[in-house]
Amino acid sequence: MNALWAGGGTVLVSISGIFLFQESISLLKLIGILCIVLGVVGLNIPKQENKPGKAVS
């Protein structure tokens, strides 16, 4: 759970810096932000749990 907050905070600070303080935008920076966002989304996708009485296919 802490990793989600850390990743989300990092993205928000990076985007805020770009818009509020006119920081430079590079392709590498955008790719890094995208990787963090994809990681946070991937951690939030619920995993299907095996429930008793249900067949696993």
C-alpha atoms as a PDB file:
ATOM      1  CA  MET A   1       0.000   0.000   0.000  1.00  0.00           C
ATOM      2  CA  ASN A   2       2.855   2.398   0.729  1.00  0.00           C
ATOM      3  CA  ALA A   3       4.282   1.761  -2.726  1.00  0.00           C
ATOM      4  CA  LEU A   4       1.023   2.957  -4.271  1.00  0.00           C
ATOM      5  CA  TRP A   5       1.103   6.225  -2.328  1.00  0.00           C
ATOM      6  CA  ALA A   6       4.778   6.754  -3.105  1.00  0.00           C
ATOM      7  CA  GLY A   7       4.275   6.138  -6.819  1.00  0.00           C
ATOM      8  CA  GLY A   8       1.177   8.314  -6.991  1.00  0.00           C
ATOM      9  CA  GLY A   9       2.905  11.126  -5.111  1.00  0.00           C
ATOM     10  CA  THR A  10       5.925  10.953  -7.393  1.00  0.00           C
ATOM     11  CA  VAL A  11       3.731  11.253 -10.483  1.00  0.00           C
ATOM     12  CA  LEU A  12       1.763  14.176  -9.020  1.00  0.00           C
ATOM     13  CA  VAL A  13       4.909  16.059  -8.038  1.00  0.00           C
ATOM     14  CA  SER A  14       6.456  15.462 -11.473  1.00  0.00           C
ATOM     15  CA  ILE A  15       3.375  16.632 -13.346  1.00  0.00           C
ATOM     16  CA  SER A  16       2.976  19.621 -11.011  1.00  0.00           C
ATOM     17  CA  GLY A  17       6.567  20.633 -11.691  1.00  0.00           C
ATOM     18  CA  ILE A  18       6.009  20.445 -15.425  1.00  0.00           C
ATOM     19  CA  PHE A  19       2.881  22.613 -15.368  1.00  0.00           C
ATOM     20  CA  LEU A  20       3.562  24.996 -12.471  1.00  0.00           C
ATOM     21  CA  PHE A  21       7.307  25.541 -12.772  1.00  0.00           C
ATOM     22  CA  GLN A  22       7.807  24.954 -16.529  1.00  0.00           C
ATOM     23  CA  GLU A  23      10.243  22.091 -16.036  1.00  0.00           C
ATOM     24  CA  SER A  24      11.556  20.547 -19.206  1.00  0.00           C
ATOM     25  CA  ILE A  25       9.685  17.613 -20.683  1.00  0.00           C
ATOM     26  CA  SER A  26      11.661  14.851 -22.337  1.00  0.00           C
ATOM     27  CA  LEU A  27      10.654  11.555 -23.829  1.00  0.00           C
ATOM     28  CA  LEU A  28      12.592   9.725 -21.129  1.00  0.00           C
ATOM     29  CA  LYS A  29      10.748  11.626 -18.387  1.00  0.00           C
ATOM     30  CA  LEU A  30       7.363  10.836 -19.944  1.00  0.00           C
ATOM     31  CA  ILE A  31       8.262   7.159 -20.288  1.00  0.00           C
ATOM     32  CA  GLY A  32       9.296   7.084 -16.618  1.00  0.00           C
ATOM     33  CA  ILE A  33       6.019   8.668 -15.502  1.00  0.00           C
ATOM     34  CA  LEU A  34       4.080   6.232 -17.678  1.00  0.00           C
ATOM     35  CA  CYS A  35       5.920   3.275 -16.117  1.00  0.00           C
ATOM     36  CA  ILE A  36       5.038   4.491 -12.621  1.00  0.00           C
ATOM     37  CA  VAL A  37       1.375   4.951 -13.587  1.00  0.00           C
ATOM     38  CA  LEU A  38       1.233   1.484 -15.150  1.00  0.00           C
ATOM     39  CA  GLY A  39       2.834  -0.007 -12.042  1.00  0.00           C
ATOM     40  CA  VAL A  40       0.286   1.641  -9.738  1.00  0.00           C
ATOM     41  CA  VAL A  41      -2.587   0.486 -11.952  1.00  0.00           C
ATOM     42  CA  GLY A  42      -1.145  -3.019 -12.108  1.00  0.00           C
ATOM     43  CA  LEU A  43      -0.937  -3.214  -8.325  1.00  0.00           C
ATOM     44  CA  ASN A  44      -4.552  -2.095  -8.018  1.00  0.00           C
ATOM     45  CA  ILE A  45      -5.986  -4.716 -10.357  1.00  0.00           C
ATOM     46  CA  PRO A  46      -7.643  -7.240  -8.070  1.00  0.00           C
ATOM     47  CA  LYS A  47      -6.391 -10.759  -8.397  1.00  0.00           C
ATOM     48  CA  GLN A  48      -8.936 -13.506  -8.775  1.00  0.00           C
ATOM     49  CA  GLU A  49      -8.888 -15.560  -5.625  1.00  0.00           C
ATOM     50  CA  ASN A  50      -9.787 -19.223  -5.462  1.00  0.00           C
ATOM     51  CA  LYS A  51     -12.980 -19.494  -3.495  1.00  0.00           C
ATOM     52  CA  PRO A  52     -14.029 -22.753  -1.853  1.00  0.00           C
ATOM     53  CA  GLY A  53     -16.542 -24.661  -3.934  1.00  0.00           C
ATOM     54  CA  LYS A  54     -15.628 -23.018  -7.221  1.00  0.00           C
ATOM     55  CA  ALA A  55     -13.846 -24.872  -9.956  1.00  0.00           C
ATOM     56  CA  VAL A  56     -10.653 -23.320 -11.256  1.00  0.00           C
ATOM     57  CA  SER A  57     -10.477 -23.283 -15.035  1.00  0.00           C
END
